Amino acid sequence: MNAQSLLSAADQFFLWTVPFLLVLGVVVIVHELGHFLAARALGITVETFSVGFGPEIAGFHDRSGTRWRIAWIPLGGYVKFKGDETVASLPSREKLETLTAAERAGNFHTSALWRRTLIVLAGPMANFLLCIVIFTGWFMSTGIVYREARITCVQPNSPASQAGILAGDKVMAVSGSPIADFDDFRRSVILNARSEINLLIDRGGQSVMLHAVPQLTERECVGQLGVVGPGPQDEKIRRLGFAQALRESGEKTWLNIEMPFRFLGQLFRGNACSTQLGGPAKIAEVSKDAASAGIIYLIPLIAFISVSVGLFNLFPIPILDGGHLLFYGAEAILGRPLSQRAQEIGFQIGFTSLLMLMIFVTWNNVSELAHKETTVVKADTVCHG
C-alpha cells in the first residue's frame, strides 16, 4: 500500500469514527449525567461514572469519591451506585439484608422506591431535554427552513398520477392532519406505505379531496407517491423568537418520539422493512454524512440521536432503564422487590435479547452499506421523488 492509499484510508477512518464518537459520546454523557445528578440530588452515593464499557483508558476520582472513567468500548456507558453488584444495578439481596445503618446510607437499593424510579427516569429525560435545548437554540439561530408542500412534478404511472395529483397542487392535509411543509408531507407518505391516505389539495384556490396508496419502494424500503416538491431555490426561512422556538422544539422532539412507534406499526403490518432499523453502524453512517456536509450539522443530529437513545432506554427490557422501571412496577404491586433469582433471569434474558437485536441491526446496516457501495442507481429521466 502506497503513501496515498494510506492517507486515503486514514481520511476514511477519521470521517467514520470521529463524528460517530462525538455524537454518541455527547448523547451518552448527557444520559448518564441525568442519572448522576438525580442520584446526587436525592442523596445516593455514585461510585463510578463511565463513558464506554470494558477496560479503562483513563480516569480520576472527584472530591466525592466518584470514579470518572473512559473505557475502550464506546457503545454506551453507565453510572454505578453504592450497592450495585454489577453495571446492570443488580443487587445482592443477601448482602442488603445484613447491611448496617452506615452501609445503608446512600445505598441505591435501600432507598425508597420513588427515589429509585426518579433516578432511573432521569437518564432518558435528560436525553429528551437535550433535544429540546438543541432545537431551541438551532431554531433561534437559523430559523425554520421550509418548502411549501406544493407538487412540482408527478411521475407517469405512479401512485400520485393514478390518484389524480397534478403539478401545481398544494397539499393542505393528509388523512385529516394539517401539513406544515413538504418535509411534513414526505414523512406522512414514508410512514404510510401500502396504506390509503386522504389528501386535501388546494388546486388553484379550490379544495379537492384525493385518495392515494403510497407504494413500498424496493431500494429505500419506504412509502413513495412519485412526486417532487420545490427545490432548494424555493426554500423559505421563518424567524422565531425564544417562545416560538421552544414550542417548535417541543413539537419536533415529540415527533421524533412518535415516529419510531408509527414505523414499528408499519413494520408489523408488513408495510416497512427491518433494514430501516438503525444501530451503531447506522449512527456512524449518518454522522459521517452530516460531518461531510459541515461539522455544524452534527448538532441537530445529536438532538435526534439523543431522543432515540432516551426512547430506546425506556423499552421494558431488563438491563435497560425501562427494565428497571418494569421491576419497580412489580415491586409497587407486590409490596416487595422481586427475588434476586427472578431479577437475574430477567437480566440474562434482557442481555441476550439486546445482544441479538444489536447483531441483527448491525448486520442489516452493514449489508445496506455494502449494497450502496456496489449498486449503481439509474436516475429517472422524467422526475424523481
Protein backbone atom coordinates (compact mmCIF):
# COMPACT_ATOMS: atom_id res chain seq x y z
CA MET A 1 0.00 0.00 0.00
CA ASN A 2 1.49 3.32 -1.10
CA ALA A 3 1.51 6.58 0.86
CA GLN A 4 -1.53 7.97 -0.99
CA SER A 5 -3.59 4.87 -0.18
CA LEU A 6 -2.58 5.08 3.46
CA LEU A 7 -3.61 8.74 3.53
CA SER A 8 -6.97 7.91 1.94
CA ALA A 9 -7.56 5.10 4.45
CA ALA A 10 -6.68 7.45 7.30
CA ASP A 11 -9.14 10.03 5.97
CA GLN A 12 -11.92 7.44 5.76
CA PHE A 13 -11.16 6.24 9.29
CA PHE A 14 -11.34 9.82 10.53
CA LEU A 15 -14.62 10.52 8.71
CA TRP A 16 -16.28 7.40 10.09
CA THR A 17 -15.00 7.29 13.67
CA VAL A 18 -14.60 10.88 14.88
CA PRO A 19 -18.17 12.11 14.10
CA PHE A 20 -19.58 8.82 15.44
CA LEU A 21 -17.67 9.10 18.71
CA LEU A 22 -18.58 12.77 19.06
CA VAL A 23 -22.30 12.23 18.50
CA LEU A 24 -22.61 9.10 20.63
CA GLY A 25 -20.27 10.47 23.28
CA VAL A 26 -22.35 13.61 23.85
CA VAL A 27 -25.59 11.61 23.99
CA VAL A 28 -24.19 9.01 26.41
CA ILE A 29 -22.63 11.61 28.70
CA VAL A 30 -25.89 13.57 28.93
CA HIS A 31 -27.88 10.40 29.59
CA GLU A 32 -25.58 9.27 32.38
CA LEU A 33 -25.40 12.80 33.79
CA GLY A 34 -29.18 12.64 34.19
CA HIS A 35 -28.80 9.56 36.40
CA PHE A 36 -25.79 11.05 38.18
CA LEU A 37 -27.34 14.44 39.02
CA ALA A 38 -30.63 12.91 40.15
CA ALA A 39 -28.77 10.47 42.40
CA ARG A 40 -26.66 13.23 43.93
CA ALA A 41 -29.76 15.39 44.48
CA LEU A 42 -31.54 12.51 46.22
CA GLY A 43 -28.63 11.57 48.47
CA ILE A 44 -27.46 8.42 46.65
CA THR A 45 -23.73 7.73 46.50
CA VAL A 46 -22.33 7.41 42.97
CA GLU A 47 -19.25 5.19 42.86
CA THR A 48 -18.49 5.20 39.12
CA PHE A 49 -19.36 7.33 36.09
CA SER A 50 -18.21 5.51 32.97
CA VAL A 51 -18.27 6.59 29.34
CA GLY A 52 -17.93 3.30 27.46
CA PHE A 53 -17.60 -0.27 28.68
CA GLY A 54 -14.69 -2.59 29.32
CA PRO A 55 -11.14 -1.80 30.46
CA GLU A 56 -10.42 1.77 31.50
CA ILE A 57 -8.41 4.07 29.25
CA ALA A 58 -8.20 6.96 31.69
CA GLY A 59 -9.96 8.18 34.81
CA PHE A 60 -9.84 10.08 38.08
CA HIS A 61 -11.65 10.38 41.43
CA ASP A 62 -13.52 13.57 42.29
CA ARG A 63 -13.83 15.06 45.78
CA SER A 64 -16.94 12.97 46.50
CA GLY A 65 -15.11 9.75 45.69
CA THR A 66 -16.80 9.08 42.34
CA ARG A 67 -14.54 7.42 39.78
CA TRP A 68 -14.90 9.15 36.39
CA ARG A 69 -13.61 6.89 33.63
CA ILE A 70 -13.37 6.48 29.86
CA ALA A 71 -13.40 2.86 28.65
CA TRP A 72 -12.39 1.13 25.44
CA ILE A 73 -15.82 0.10 24.09
CA PRO A 74 -17.57 3.38 23.13
CA LEU A 75 -21.08 1.95 22.68
CA GLY A 76 -22.72 3.36 25.79
CA GLY A 77 -21.88 3.98 29.40
CA TYR A 78 -23.15 3.54 32.92
CA VAL A 79 -23.38 5.02 36.40
CA LYS A 80 -22.63 2.61 39.26
CA PHE A 81 -24.33 3.42 42.55
CA LYS A 82 -23.45 2.35 46.05
CA GLY A 83 -24.92 -1.12 46.50
CA ASP A 84 -24.68 -2.19 42.86
CA GLU A 85 -23.10 -5.57 42.35
CA THR A 86 -22.88 -5.15 38.55
CA VAL A 87 -23.11 -2.35 35.95
CA ALA A 88 -26.71 -3.51 35.41
CA SER A 89 -27.51 -2.38 39.00
CA LEU A 90 -28.32 -5.94 40.08
CA PRO A 91 -28.05 -6.04 43.87
CA SER A 92 -27.22 -8.95 46.11
CA ARG A 93 -30.29 -9.44 48.33
CA GLU A 94 -28.32 -11.43 50.88
CA LYS A 95 -25.92 -8.55 51.38
CA LEU A 96 -28.73 -5.98 51.57
CA GLU A 97 -30.30 -7.83 54.48
CA THR A 98 -27.08 -7.71 56.51
CA LEU A 99 -26.17 -4.04 55.91
CA THR A 100 -25.51 -1.77 58.88
CA ALA A 101 -27.12 1.65 59.17
CA ALA A 102 -23.93 3.30 57.92
CA GLU A 103 -23.79 0.95 54.92
CA ARG A 104 -27.42 1.68 54.08
CA ALA A 105 -26.78 5.42 53.95
CA GLY A 106 -26.52 6.46 50.30
CA ASN A 107 -27.23 2.91 49.09
CA PHE A 108 -29.33 2.93 45.93
CA HIS A 109 -31.12 -0.33 46.64
CA THR A 110 -32.16 0.51 50.19
CA SER A 111 -33.59 3.87 49.18
CA ALA A 112 -37.31 4.48 48.71
CA LEU A 113 -38.95 3.17 45.56
CA TRP A 114 -39.87 6.67 44.38
CA ARG A 115 -36.23 7.78 44.65
CA ARG A 116 -35.00 4.84 42.56
CA THR A 117 -37.74 5.48 40.00
CA LEU A 118 -36.82 9.15 39.62
CA ILE A 119 -33.11 8.33 39.27
CA VAL A 120 -33.78 5.76 36.54
CA LEU A 121 -36.15 8.10 34.70
CA ALA A 122 -33.65 10.96 34.85
CA GLY A 123 -31.39 9.44 32.15
CA PRO A 124 -33.97 9.30 29.34
CA MET A 125 -35.48 12.61 30.47
CA ALA A 126 -32.04 14.22 30.16
CA ASN A 127 -31.88 12.96 26.56
CA PHE A 128 -35.28 14.48 25.76
CA LEU A 129 -34.28 17.74 27.43
CA LEU A 130 -31.05 17.86 25.41
CA CYS A 131 -33.08 17.54 22.22
CA ILE A 132 -35.35 20.43 23.23
CA VAL A 133 -32.37 22.63 24.19
CA ILE A 134 -30.52 21.91 20.93
CA PHE A 135 -33.52 22.51 18.69
CA THR A 136 -34.48 25.67 20.57
CA GLY A 137 -31.01 27.13 20.03
CA TRP A 138 -30.91 25.88 16.44
CA PHE A 139 -34.28 27.41 15.54
CA MET A 140 -33.37 30.71 17.18
CA SER A 141 -30.07 30.82 15.28
CA THR A 142 -31.18 29.67 11.83
CA GLY A 143 -34.94 29.97 11.89
CA ILE A 144 -37.03 27.22 10.33
CA VAL A 145 -36.06 26.49 6.74
CA TYR A 146 -39.04 25.08 4.86
CA ARG A 147 -40.52 24.43 1.43
CA GLU A 148 -44.21 24.66 0.66
CA ALA A 149 -45.99 21.34 0.26
CA ARG A 150 -46.51 22.09 -3.42
CA ILE A 151 -46.11 19.43 -6.12
CA THR A 152 -43.79 20.47 -8.95
CA CYS A 153 -43.68 17.16 -10.85
CA VAL A 154 -45.65 13.92 -10.99
CA GLN A 155 -44.11 10.72 -12.35
CA PRO A 156 -46.18 8.92 -15.01
CA ASN A 157 -47.85 5.68 -13.87
CA SER A 158 -47.03 6.45 -10.25
CA PRO A 159 -49.45 6.22 -7.29
CA ALA A 160 -49.69 10.02 -7.43
CA SER A 161 -50.71 10.11 -11.10
CA GLN A 162 -53.22 7.30 -10.51
CA ALA A 163 -54.71 9.29 -7.63
CA GLY A 164 -55.13 12.35 -9.84
CA ILE A 165 -52.45 14.54 -8.26
CA LEU A 166 -51.27 17.29 -10.62
CA ALA A 167 -48.20 19.51 -10.76
CA GLY A 168 -49.04 22.76 -9.01
CA ASP A 169 -51.25 21.11 -6.36
CA LYS A 170 -50.60 22.16 -2.78
CA VAL A 171 -51.14 19.54 -0.06
CA MET A 172 -53.05 21.01 2.87
CA ALA A 173 -53.72 17.87 4.96
CA VAL A 174 -53.07 14.12 4.98
CA SER A 175 -55.82 11.95 6.50
CA GLY A 176 -57.08 14.92 8.50
CA SER A 177 -53.68 16.06 9.83
CA PRO A 178 -52.61 19.54 8.65
CA ILE A 179 -49.40 19.64 6.61
CA ALA A 180 -46.88 22.35 7.51
CA ASP A 181 -44.41 21.94 4.65
CA PHE A 182 -43.16 19.49 2.04
CA ASP A 183 -40.97 17.59 4.53
CA ASP A 184 -44.04 17.10 6.71
CA PHE A 185 -45.90 15.72 3.69
CA ARG A 186 -42.97 13.48 2.80
CA ARG A 187 -42.89 11.99 6.32
CA SER A 188 -46.60 11.21 6.10
CA VAL A 189 -46.08 9.38 2.82
CA ILE A 190 -43.00 7.47 4.03
CA LEU A 191 -44.84 6.16 7.09
CA ASN A 192 -47.93 5.02 5.17
CA ALA A 193 -46.62 2.57 2.59
CA ARG A 194 -49.42 0.37 1.17
CA SER A 195 -51.97 2.26 3.29
CA GLU A 196 -54.60 4.53 1.78
CA ILE A 197 -54.21 8.19 2.68
CA ASN A 198 -56.68 11.01 2.09
CA LEU A 199 -55.15 14.15 0.60
CA LEU A 200 -56.76 17.55 0.96
CA ILE A 201 -55.45 19.51 -2.03
CA ASP A 202 -55.53 23.22 -2.81
CA ARG A 203 -55.83 23.39 -6.60
CA GLY A 204 -55.97 26.95 -7.82
CA GLY A 205 -57.88 28.10 -4.75
CA GLN A 206 -60.33 25.19 -4.79
CA SER A 207 -60.26 22.33 -2.28
CA VAL A 208 -60.04 18.84 -3.76
CA MET A 209 -60.07 15.54 -1.84
CA LEU A 210 -57.99 12.73 -3.34
CA HIS A 211 -57.14 9.20 -2.22
CA ALA A 212 -53.73 7.60 -2.77
CA VAL A 213 -51.82 4.48 -1.70
CA PRO A 214 -48.03 5.04 -1.43
CA GLN A 215 -46.05 2.15 -2.84
CA LEU A 216 -43.30 0.42 -0.85
CA THR A 217 -40.08 1.06 -2.76
CA GLU A 218 -37.55 -1.73 -3.14
CA ARG A 219 -34.45 0.47 -2.84
CA GLU A 220 -35.30 2.79 0.06
CA CYS A 221 -37.98 0.47 1.53
CA VAL A 222 -40.27 3.39 2.38
CA GLY A 223 -43.60 4.70 1.16
CA GLN A 224 -43.46 6.74 -2.05
CA LEU A 225 -46.05 8.50 -4.23
CA GLY A 226 -43.82 9.52 -7.15
CA VAL A 227 -43.87 13.29 -6.77
CA VAL A 228 -41.28 16.04 -6.46
CA GLY A 229 -41.59 19.17 -4.37
CA PRO A 230 -39.92 22.59 -4.55
CA GLY A 231 -36.13 22.64 -4.88
CA PRO A 232 -33.52 24.35 -2.68
CA GLN A 233 -34.03 27.58 -4.62
CA ASP A 234 -37.61 27.70 -3.28
CA GLU A 235 -36.67 27.38 0.38
CA LYS A 236 -38.05 29.98 2.77
CA ILE A 237 -36.99 30.93 6.28
CA ARG A 238 -39.31 31.65 9.19
CA ARG A 239 -37.58 33.52 12.02
CA LEU A 240 -38.53 32.60 15.58
CA GLY A 241 -38.28 34.20 18.99
CA PHE A 242 -37.47 32.22 22.11
CA ALA A 243 -41.07 31.24 22.97
CA GLN A 244 -41.81 30.16 19.39
CA ALA A 245 -38.52 28.26 19.12
CA LEU A 246 -39.20 26.49 22.42
CA ARG A 247 -42.67 25.45 21.26
CA GLU A 248 -41.38 24.26 17.89
CA SER A 249 -38.55 22.31 19.56
CA GLY A 250 -41.05 20.61 21.85
CA GLU A 251 -43.16 19.60 18.84
CA LYS A 252 -40.04 18.42 17.00
CA THR A 253 -38.97 16.33 19.99
CA TRP A 254 -42.42 14.79 20.29
CA LEU A 255 -42.39 13.99 16.55
CA ASN A 256 -39.06 12.18 16.98
CA ILE A 257 -40.57 10.20 19.88
CA GLU A 258 -43.73 9.35 17.95
CA MET A 259 -42.18 8.33 14.61
CA PRO A 260 -40.50 5.08 15.82
CA PHE A 261 -43.85 3.79 17.07
CA ARG A 262 -45.53 4.62 13.77
CA PHE A 263 -42.68 2.88 11.96
CA LEU A 264 -42.98 -0.22 14.17
CA GLY A 265 -46.71 -0.31 13.44
CA GLN A 266 -45.96 -0.30 9.71
CA LEU A 267 -43.25 -2.92 10.20
CA PHE A 268 -45.63 -5.33 11.97
CA ARG A 269 -48.19 -4.84 9.18
CA GLY A 270 -45.56 -5.66 6.57
CA ASN A 271 -45.54 -2.12 5.17
CA ALA A 272 -41.94 -1.31 6.17
CA CYS A 273 -38.60 -3.12 6.19
CA SER A 274 -36.36 -4.12 9.06
CA THR A 275 -33.42 -2.70 7.09
CA GLN A 276 -34.57 0.72 8.28
CA LEU A 277 -33.77 -0.18 11.89
CA GLY A 278 -30.63 1.64 12.93
CA GLY A 279 -27.76 0.50 15.11
CA PRO A 280 -24.20 1.71 15.72
CA ALA A 281 -23.28 1.27 12.04
CA LYS A 282 -26.25 3.43 11.01
CA ILE A 283 -25.29 6.11 13.52
CA ALA A 284 -21.74 6.05 12.15
CA GLU A 285 -23.03 6.41 8.59
CA VAL A 286 -25.36 9.36 9.24
CA SER A 287 -22.70 11.00 11.43
CA LYS A 288 -20.20 10.74 8.59
CA ASP A 289 -22.72 12.19 6.11
CA ALA A 290 -23.59 15.06 8.44
CA ALA A 291 -19.92 15.86 9.15
CA SER A 292 -19.16 15.78 5.42
CA ALA A 293 -21.82 18.46 4.85
CA GLY A 294 -20.32 20.55 7.67
CA ILE A 295 -19.42 19.88 11.28
CA ILE A 296 -22.25 22.18 12.40
CA TYR A 297 -24.79 19.69 11.02
CA LEU A 298 -23.78 17.25 13.74
CA ILE A 299 -25.68 19.46 16.20
CA PRO A 300 -29.24 18.60 15.06
CA LEU A 301 -28.10 15.01 14.55
CA ILE A 302 -27.07 14.86 18.21
CA ALA A 303 -30.59 16.01 19.12
CA PHE A 304 -32.19 13.26 17.01
CA ILE A 305 -29.88 10.52 18.33
CA SER A 306 -30.42 11.77 21.88
CA VAL A 307 -34.19 11.26 21.58
CA SER A 308 -33.66 7.83 20.03
CA VAL A 309 -31.32 6.73 22.85
CA GLY A 310 -33.65 8.10 25.53
CA LEU A 311 -36.66 6.36 23.99
CA PHE A 312 -34.81 3.08 23.45
CA ASN A 313 -33.72 3.05 27.09
CA LEU A 314 -37.37 3.24 28.17
CA PHE A 315 -38.23 -0.02 26.42
CA PRO A 316 -39.25 -2.60 29.08
CA ILE A 317 -36.19 -4.79 28.50
CA PRO A 318 -34.31 -5.90 31.63
CA ILE A 319 -30.83 -4.29 31.66
CA LEU A 320 -32.23 -1.07 30.16
CA ASP A 321 -33.81 1.72 32.22
CA GLY A 322 -37.25 0.54 31.13
CA GLY A 323 -36.47 -2.91 32.50
CA HIS A 324 -35.63 -1.43 35.91
CA LEU A 325 -38.90 0.51 35.81
CA LEU A 326 -40.72 -2.74 34.99
CA PHE A 327 -39.22 -4.36 38.10
CA TYR A 328 -40.12 -1.31 40.17
CA GLY A 329 -43.70 -1.55 38.92
CA ALA A 330 -43.80 -5.18 40.07
CA GLU A 331 -42.33 -4.11 43.42
CA ALA A 332 -45.02 -1.46 43.84
CA ILE A 333 -47.76 -4.03 43.12
CA LEU A 334 -46.31 -6.86 45.26
CA GLY A 335 -45.15 -4.62 48.08
CA ARG A 336 -41.67 -6.13 47.92
CA PRO A 337 -38.84 -6.42 45.36
CA LEU A 338 -38.73 -9.39 43.04
CA SER A 339 -36.43 -12.17 44.20
CA GLN A 340 -32.80 -11.96 43.21
CA ARG A 341 -33.23 -15.11 41.10
CA ALA A 342 -36.12 -13.58 39.17
CA GLN A 343 -34.12 -10.42 38.53
CA GLU A 344 -31.08 -12.43 37.44
CA ILE A 345 -33.16 -14.41 34.95
CA GLY A 346 -34.73 -11.17 33.70
CA PHE A 347 -31.36 -9.53 33.17
CA GLN A 348 -30.00 -12.61 31.42
CA ILE A 349 -32.98 -12.64 29.04
CA GLY A 350 -32.66 -8.88 28.55
CA PHE A 351 -28.94 -9.04 27.84
CA THR A 352 -29.37 -11.89 25.35
CA SER A 353 -32.27 -10.11 23.61
CA LEU A 354 -30.35 -6.86 23.44
CA LEU A 355 -27.25 -8.58 22.08
CA MET A 356 -29.28 -10.37 19.38
CA LEU A 357 -31.01 -7.11 18.44
CA MET A 358 -27.68 -5.29 18.15
CA ILE A 359 -26.24 -8.06 15.97
CA PHE A 360 -29.36 -8.05 13.79
CA VAL A 361 -29.49 -4.29 13.18
CA THR A 362 -25.72 -4.07 12.71
CA TRP A 363 -25.84 -6.85 10.11
CA ASN A 364 -28.71 -5.03 8.39
CA ASN A 365 -26.84 -1.73 8.38
CA VAL A 366 -23.55 -3.21 7.17
CA SER A 367 -25.36 -5.12 4.40
CA GLU A 368 -27.12 -1.90 3.38
CA LEU A 369 -23.81 -0.01 3.27
CA ALA A 370 -22.23 -2.74 1.15
CA HIS A 371 -25.21 -2.63 -1.21
CA LYS A 372 -24.86 1.14 -1.57
CA GLU A 373 -21.20 0.80 -2.42
CA THR A 374 -21.78 -1.81 -5.13
CA THR A 375 -25.06 -0.64 -6.68
CA VAL A 376 -25.40 2.00 -9.38
CA VAL A 377 -28.82 3.63 -9.31
CA LYS A 378 -30.32 4.72 -12.62
CA ALA A 379 -31.86 8.20 -12.41
CA ASP A 380 -35.42 8.74 -13.60
CA THR A 381 -35.47 10.82 -16.78
CA VAL A 382 -38.84 12.42 -16.03
CA CYS A 383 -38.67 13.33 -12.36
CA HIS A 384 -37.73 11.66 -9.13
CA GLY A 385 -39.39 11.70 -5.75
